[in-house]
C-alpha atoms as a PDB file:
ATOM      1  CA  MET A   1     -61.593-331.519  -6.562  1.00  0.00           C
ATOM      2  CA  ASP A   2     -59.561-328.362  -5.869  1.00  0.00           C
ATOM      3  CA  LYS A   3     -61.191-324.995  -6.266  1.00  0.00           C
ATOM      4  CA  LYS A   4     -59.422-322.739  -8.759  1.00  0.00           C
ATOM      5  CA  ILE A   5     -57.557-319.862  -7.118  1.00  0.00           C
ATOM      6  CA  VAL A   6     -58.329-316.458  -8.602  1.00  0.00           C
ATOM      7  CA  MET A   7     -56.177-313.727  -7.091  1.00  0.00           C
ATOM      8  CA  PHE A   8     -57.633-310.326  -6.194  1.00  0.00           C
ATOM      9  CA  ASP A   9     -54.678-308.503  -7.767  1.00  0.00           C
ATOM     10  CA  ASP A  10     -54.652-310.484 -11.056  1.00  0.00           C
ATOM     11  CA  PRO A  11     -54.225-307.755 -13.722  1.00  0.00           C
ATOM     12  CA  ASP A  12     -56.480-309.654 -16.163  1.00  0.00           C
ATOM     13  CA  LEU A  13     -59.310-310.272 -13.689  1.00  0.00           C
ATOM     14  CA  VAL A  14     -61.400-307.169 -14.393  1.00  0.00           C
ATOM     15  CA  GLU A  15     -61.663-304.598 -17.110  1.00  0.00           C
ATOM     16  CA  TYR A  16     -62.856-301.037 -17.438  1.00  0.00           C
ATOM     17  CA  ARG A  17     -65.550-300.902 -20.099  1.00  0.00           C
ATOM     18  CA  THR A  18     -65.912-297.517 -21.735  1.00  0.00           C
ATOM     19  CA  ASN A  19     -69.371-298.315 -23.127  1.00  0.00           C
ATOM     20  CA  LEU A  20     -70.567-298.805 -19.508  1.00  0.00           C
ATOM     21  CA  GLU A  21     -68.201-296.292 -17.948  1.00  0.00           C
ATOM     22  CA  GLY A  22     -67.326-298.762 -15.216  1.00  0.00           C
ATOM     23  CA  TRP A  23     -65.731-302.005 -14.104  1.00  0.00           C
ATOM     24  CA  THR A  24     -66.859-305.546 -14.949  1.00  0.00           C
ATOM     25  CA  GLY A  25     -65.411-309.013 -14.511  1.00  0.00           C
ATOM     26  CA  PRO A  26     -66.091-312.618 -15.482  1.00  0.00           C
ATOM     27  CA  ASP A  27     -69.392-312.444 -13.589  1.00  0.00           C
ATOM     28  CA  GLY A  28     -70.595-310.027 -16.290  1.00  0.00           C
ATOM     29  CA  LEU A  29     -71.931-307.544 -13.742  1.00  0.00           C
ATOM     30  CA  TYR A  30     -71.350-303.803 -13.592  1.00  0.00           C
ATOM     31  CA  HIS A  31     -69.535-302.873 -10.364  1.00  0.00           C
ATOM     32  CA  GLY A  32     -69.284-299.108 -10.634  1.00  0.00           C
ATOM     33  CA  LYS A  33     -66.845-296.403 -11.637  1.00  0.00           C
ATOM     34  CA  GLY A  34     -63.490-295.359 -10.254  1.00  0.00           C
ATOM     35  CA  GLU A  35     -61.283-297.031  -7.700  1.00  0.00           C
ATOM     36  CA  GLU A  36     -64.208-298.317  -5.599  1.00  0.00           C
ATOM     37  CA  GLY A  37     -65.851-299.887  -8.641  1.00  0.00           C
ATOM     38  CA  GLU A  38     -62.606-301.670  -9.508  1.00  0.00           C
ATOM     39  CA  LYS A  39     -62.260-302.950  -5.909  1.00  0.00           C
ATOM     40  CA  ARG A  40     -65.846-304.248  -5.937  1.00  0.00           C
ATOM     41  CA  ALA A  41     -65.293-306.002  -9.282  1.00  0.00           C
ATOM     42  CA  ARG A  42     -62.050-307.584  -8.068  1.00  0.00           C
ATOM     43  CA  TYR A  43     -63.623-308.708  -4.806  1.00  0.00           C
ATOM     44  CA  ALA A  44     -66.682-310.190  -6.518  1.00  0.00           C
ATOM     45  CA  ASN A  45     -64.614-312.098  -9.080  1.00  0.00           C
ATOM     46  CA  SER A  46     -61.655-313.291  -6.994  1.00  0.00           C
ATOM     47  CA  THR A  47     -61.321-316.165  -4.541  1.00  0.00           C
ATOM     48  CA  HIS A  48     -58.032-315.236  -2.817  1.00  0.00           C
ATOM     49  CA  LYS A  49     -55.791-312.300  -1.955  1.00  0.00           C
ATOM     50  CA  LYS A  50     -52.378-311.720  -0.418  1.00  0.00           C
ATOM     51  CA  CYS A  51     -51.862-311.062   3.271  1.00  0.00           C
ATOM     52  CA  GLU A  52     -49.615-308.188   4.335  1.00  0.00           C
ATOM     53  CA  CYS A  53     -46.883-310.838   4.866  1.00  0.00           C
ATOM     54  CA  GLY A  54     -47.253-312.114   1.291  1.00  0.00           C
ATOM     55  CA  ASN A  55     -49.067-315.401   2.057  1.00  0.00           C
ATOM     56  CA  VAL A  56     -52.043-316.278  -0.136  1.00  0.00           C
ATOM     57  CA  MET A  57     -55.302-316.463   1.816  1.00  0.00           C
ATOM     58  CA  ASP A  58     -59.045-316.699   1.280  1.00  0.00           C
ATOM     59  CA  LYS A  59     -60.437-313.304   0.245  1.00  0.00           C
ATOM     60  CA  TYR A  60     -62.761-313.194   3.271  1.00  0.00           C
ATOM     61  CA  ARG A  61     -59.914-313.187   5.800  1.00  0.00           C
ATOM     62  CA  ILE A  62     -58.327-310.001   7.149  1.00  0.00           C
ATOM     63  CA  VAL A  63     -54.943-311.665   7.754  1.00  0.00           C
ATOM     64  CA  CYS A  64     -53.629-315.169   7.025  1.00  0.00           C
ATOM     65  CA  ARG A  65     -53.716-317.929   9.648  1.00  0.00           C
ATOM     66  CA  SER A  66     -49.988-317.543  10.295  1.00  0.00           C
ATOM     67  CA  CYS A  67     -50.256-313.784  11.008  1.00  0.00           C
ATOM     68  CA  SER A  68     -53.431-314.324  13.029  1.00  0.00           C
ATOM     69  CA  SER A  69     -51.695-316.933  15.183  1.00  0.00           C
ATOM     70  CA  LYS A  70     -48.672-314.673  15.618  1.00  0.00           C
ATOM     71  CA  LYS A  71     -50.851-311.710  16.699  1.00  0.00           C
ATOM     72  CA  GLU A  72     -52.831-313.943  19.064  1.00  0.00           C
ATOM     73  CA  SER A  73     -49.561-315.115  20.663  1.00  0.00           C
ATOM     74  CA  GLU A  74     -48.386-311.521  21.050  1.00  0.00           C
ATOM     75  CA  ARG A  75     -51.669-310.540  22.756  1.00  0.00           C
ATOM     76  CA  PHE A  76     -51.425-313.542  25.082  1.00  0.00           C
ATOM     77  CA  ASN A  77     -47.782-312.900  25.991  1.00  0.00           C
ATOM     78  CA  LYS A  78     -48.562-309.262  26.901  1.00  0.00           C
ATOM     79  CA  LEU A  79     -50.980-310.427  29.618  1.00  0.00           C
ATOM     80  CA  GLU A  80     -49.808-310.411  33.228  1.00  0.00           C
ATOM     81  CA  ALA A  81     -48.373-313.824  34.175  1.00  0.00           C
ATOM     82  CA  VAL A  82     -49.388-315.275  37.556  1.00  0.00           C
ATOM     83  CA  ASP A  83     -48.731-318.511  39.418  1.00  0.00           C
ATOM     84  CA  TRP A  84     -51.721-320.826  39.666  1.00  0.00           C
ATOM     85  CA  ASP A  85     -53.191-320.520  43.170  1.00  0.00           C
ATOM     86  CA  GLY A  86     -54.078-324.211  43.361  1.00  0.00           C
ATOM     87  CA  GLU A  87     -57.793-323.484  43.793  1.00  0.00           C
ATOM     88  CA  SER A  88     -59.221-321.516  40.894  1.00  0.00           C
ATOM     89  CA  MET A  89     -60.241-323.013  37.574  1.00  0.00           C
ATOM     90  CA  ILE A  90     -57.888-322.824  34.623  1.00  0.00           C
ATOM     91  CA  SER A  91     -59.008-322.291  31.033  1.00  0.00           C
ATOM     92  CA  LEU A  92     -57.454-322.274  27.611  1.00  0.00           C
ATOM     93  CA  TYR A  93     -57.015-318.760  26.209  1.00  0.00           C
ATOM     94  CA  ASN A  94     -60.121-317.651  24.299  1.00  0.00           C
ATOM     95  CA  ASP A  95     -61.582-321.131  24.537  1.00  0.00           C
ATOM     96  CA  GLU A  96     -64.368-322.811  26.463  1.00  0.00           C
ATOM     97  CA  LYS A  97     -62.112-325.592  27.780  1.00  0.00           C
ATOM     98  CA  PHE A  98     -61.752-325.460  31.593  1.00  0.00           C
ATOM     99  CA  PHE A  99     -59.636-327.501  34.001  1.00  0.00           C
ATOM    100  CA  THR A 100     -60.066-328.004  37.747  1.00  0.00           C
ATOM    101  CA  ASP A 101     -56.369-328.635  38.460  1.00  0.00           C
ATOM    102  CA  MET A 102     -52.984-329.195  36.839  1.00  0.00           C
ATOM    103  CA  ASP A 103     -53.549-332.961  36.725  1.00  0.00           C
ATOM    104  CA  ASP A 104     -56.460-332.277  34.347  1.00  0.00           C
ATOM    105  CA  VAL A 105     -54.151-330.101  32.239  1.00  0.00           C
ATOM    106  CA  TYR A 106     -51.478-332.825  32.034  1.00  0.00           C
ATOM    107  CA  GLU A 107     -54.122-335.425  31.158  1.00  0.00           C
ATOM    108  CA  TYR A 108     -55.474-333.145  28.418  1.00  0.00           C
ATOM    109  CA  CYS A 109     -51.953-332.725  27.013  1.00  0.00           C
ATOM    110  CA  GLU A 110     -51.445-336.470  26.982  1.00  0.00           C
ATOM    111  CA  LEU A 111     -54.797-337.189  25.286  1.00  0.00           C
ATOM    112  CA  GLU A 112     -54.356-334.443  22.697  1.00  0.00           C
ATOM    113  CA  GLU A 113     -50.612-335.126  22.288  1.00  0.00           C
ATOM    114  CA  ILE A 114     -49.780-331.500  23.037  1.00  0.00           C
ATOM    115  CA  ASP A 115     -46.720-330.168  24.820  1.00  0.00           C
ATOM    116  CA  ILE A 116     -47.843-328.262  27.919  1.00  0.00           C
ATOM    117  CA  ASN A 117     -45.569-325.380  26.874  1.00  0.00           C
ATOM    118  CA  ASP A 118     -47.750-324.931  23.770  1.00  0.00           C
ATOM    119  CA  LEU A 119     -50.877-324.328  25.873  1.00  0.00           C
ATOM    120  CA  ARG A 120     -52.082-320.835  26.696  1.00  0.00           C
ATOM    121  CA  LEU A 121     -53.464-321.264  30.201  1.00  0.00           C
ATOM    122  CA  MET A 122     -55.607-318.578  31.776  1.00  0.00           C
ATOM    123  CA  HIS A 123     -56.474-317.800  35.385  1.00  0.00           C
ATOM    124  CA  CYS A 124     -60.208-317.872  36.097  1.00  0.00           C
ATOM    125  CA  GLU A 125     -62.364-316.349  38.797  1.00  0.00           C
ATOM    126  CA  LYS A 126     -65.901-316.847  40.036  1.00  0.00           C
ATOM    127  CA  ARG A 127     -68.292-314.061  39.180  1.00  0.00           C
ATOM    128  CA  ILE A 128     -71.948-313.315  39.534  1.00  0.00           C
ATOM    129  CA  SER A 129     -73.536-312.614  36.211  1.00  0.00           C
ATOM    130  CA  ILE A 130     -77.105-312.087  37.400  1.00  0.00           C
ATOM    131  CA  ASN A 131     -78.376-308.580  36.762  1.00  0.00           C
ATOM    132  CA  HIS A 132     -80.491-306.628  39.229  1.00  0.00           C
ATOM    133  CA  ILE A 133     -84.128-306.112  38.331  1.00  0.00           C
ATOM    134  CA  ASN A 134     -85.578-302.665  37.685  1.00  0.00           C
ATOM    135  CA  ILE A 135     -89.324-303.256  37.739  1.00  0.00           C
ATOM    136  CA  ASP A 136     -90.117-299.829  36.292  1.00  0.00           C
ATOM    137  CA  GLU A 137     -87.784-300.316  33.290  1.00  0.00           C
ATOM    138  CA  LEU A 138     -89.277-303.755  32.641  1.00  0.00           C
ATOM    139  CA  ASN A 139     -92.782-302.258  32.616  1.00  0.00           C
ATOM    140  CA  GLU A 140     -92.285-298.921  30.856  1.00  0.00           C
ATOM    141  CA  GLU A 141     -95.745-299.157  29.291  1.00  0.00           C
ATOM    142  CA  TYR A 142     -97.154-298.975  32.850  1.00  0.00           C
ATOM    143  CA  MET A 143     -95.516-295.569  33.491  1.00  0.00           C
ATOM    144  CA  THR A 144     -97.642-292.461  33.681  1.00  0.00           C
ATOM    145  CA  GLU A 145     -96.659-289.174  32.014  1.00  0.00           C
ATOM    146  CA  ASP A 146     -95.330-287.841  35.309  1.00  0.00           C
ATOM    147  CA  GLY A 147     -92.998-290.886  35.707  1.00  0.00           C
ATOM    148  CA  GLN A 148     -94.973-292.970  38.169  1.00  0.00           C
ATOM    149  CA  GLY A 149     -94.773-296.696  37.569  1.00  0.00           C
ATOM    150  CA  VAL A 150     -95.016-300.085  39.194  1.00  0.00           C
ATOM    151  CA  SER A 151     -92.909-298.951  42.166  1.00  0.00           C
ATOM    152  CA  GLU A 152     -95.404-296.208  43.042  1.00  0.00           C
ATOM    153  CA  TRP A 153     -98.607-298.007  42.088  1.00  0.00           C
ATOM    154  CA  HIS A 154     -97.674-301.369  43.636  1.00  0.00           C
ATOM    155  CA  PRO A 155     -95.290-300.848  46.575  1.00  0.00           C
ATOM    156  CA  GLU A 156     -95.688-304.501  47.615  1.00  0.00           C
ATOM    157  CA  ILE A 157     -94.203-305.578  44.255  1.00  0.00           C
ATOM    158  CA  ALA A 158     -91.426-302.981  44.549  1.00  0.00           C
ATOM    159  CA  LYS A 159     -90.581-304.337  48.023  1.00  0.00           C
ATOM    160  CA  LYS A 160     -90.334-307.937  46.720  1.00  0.00           C
ATOM    161  CA  VAL A 161     -88.160-306.810  43.799  1.00  0.00           C
ATOM    162  CA  GLU A 162     -85.904-304.981  46.263  1.00  0.00           C
ATOM    163  CA  GLU A 163     -85.634-308.205  48.303  1.00  0.00           C
ATOM    164  CA  LEU A 164     -84.776-310.132  45.136  1.00  0.00           C
ATOM    165  CA  ASN A 165     -82.067-307.605  44.218  1.00  0.00           C
ATOM    166  CA  GLU A 166     -80.608-307.914  47.717  1.00  0.00           C
ATOM    167  CA  LEU A 167     -80.582-311.712  47.344  1.00  0.00           C
ATOM    168  CA  ILE A 168     -78.803-311.341  43.969  1.00  0.00           C
ATOM    169  CA  SER A 169     -76.205-309.033  45.551  1.00  0.00           C
ATOM    170  CA  ASN A 170     -75.525-311.494  48.359  1.00  0.00           C
ATOM    171  CA  THR A 171     -75.462-314.623  46.204  1.00  0.00           C
ATOM    172  CA  GLU A 172     -72.201-316.545  46.102  1.00  0.00           C
ATOM    173  CA  PRO A 173     -70.795-316.741  42.553  1.00  0.00           C
ATOM    174  CA  LYS A 174     -70.988-320.212  41.012  1.00  0.00           C
ATOM    175  CA  LEU A 175     -69.670-319.660  37.474  1.00  0.00           C
ATOM    176  CA  TRP A 176     -66.024-319.363  36.446  1.00  0.00           C
ATOM    177  CA  PHE A 177     -64.859-316.794  33.905  1.00  0.00           C
ATOM    178  CA  GLU A 178     -61.499-316.259  32.250  1.00  0.00           C
ATOM    179  CA  THR A 179     -59.610-313.242  33.602  1.00  0.00           C
ATOM    180  CA  ASN A 180     -56.981-311.148  31.815  1.00  0.00           C
ATOM    181  CA  LYS A 181     -54.133-312.999  33.561  1.00  0.00           C
ATOM    182  CA  ARG A 182     -52.212-315.896  32.085  1.00  0.00           C
ATOM    183  CA  ILE A 183     -50.899-318.738  34.199  1.00  0.00           C
ATOM    184  CA  LYS A 184     -47.172-319.479  34.288  1.00  0.00           C
ATOM    185  CA  ILE A 185     -46.473-323.022  33.136  1.00  0.00           C
ATOM    186  CA  PRO A 186     -45.012-324.956  36.086  1.00  0.00           C
END
């Protein structure tokens, strides 16, 4: 069963009722006066609107799927293009799909029946995403009025936290993250 399309700009969708001094629609609710009241009434009683390109779209969208895809392609194509280094992970643009090498990419294309030229491949890099610990910030309720906290009251804890932060700083990254560089298709 298809849902009936009710356009936002349908001239018969809402009406200004003088006895209420405001806008109403088929929902029977009062939506306010003036231009804002009319917009609220139209929004509440419509299902679709027109995109800036003229395509009809769901009223909740900002732009239609076609314009969204076009803008996404423009953003991707503006990124710096680099050759794959043969070692780093590869990901799909704004996606959680990662590949270890180009063979994985070709296999993915074959399974999904996608032309490799239609993929938006991104260069990835390893990064540490473990934050340092600030024991005084974590235990603000332990602070005195003059600013003394765990670090001053328990130097042995502060020393262990400092050791932990040093370990975090010296830890080799294990996780891969998408960079802002796209990979040239070989």
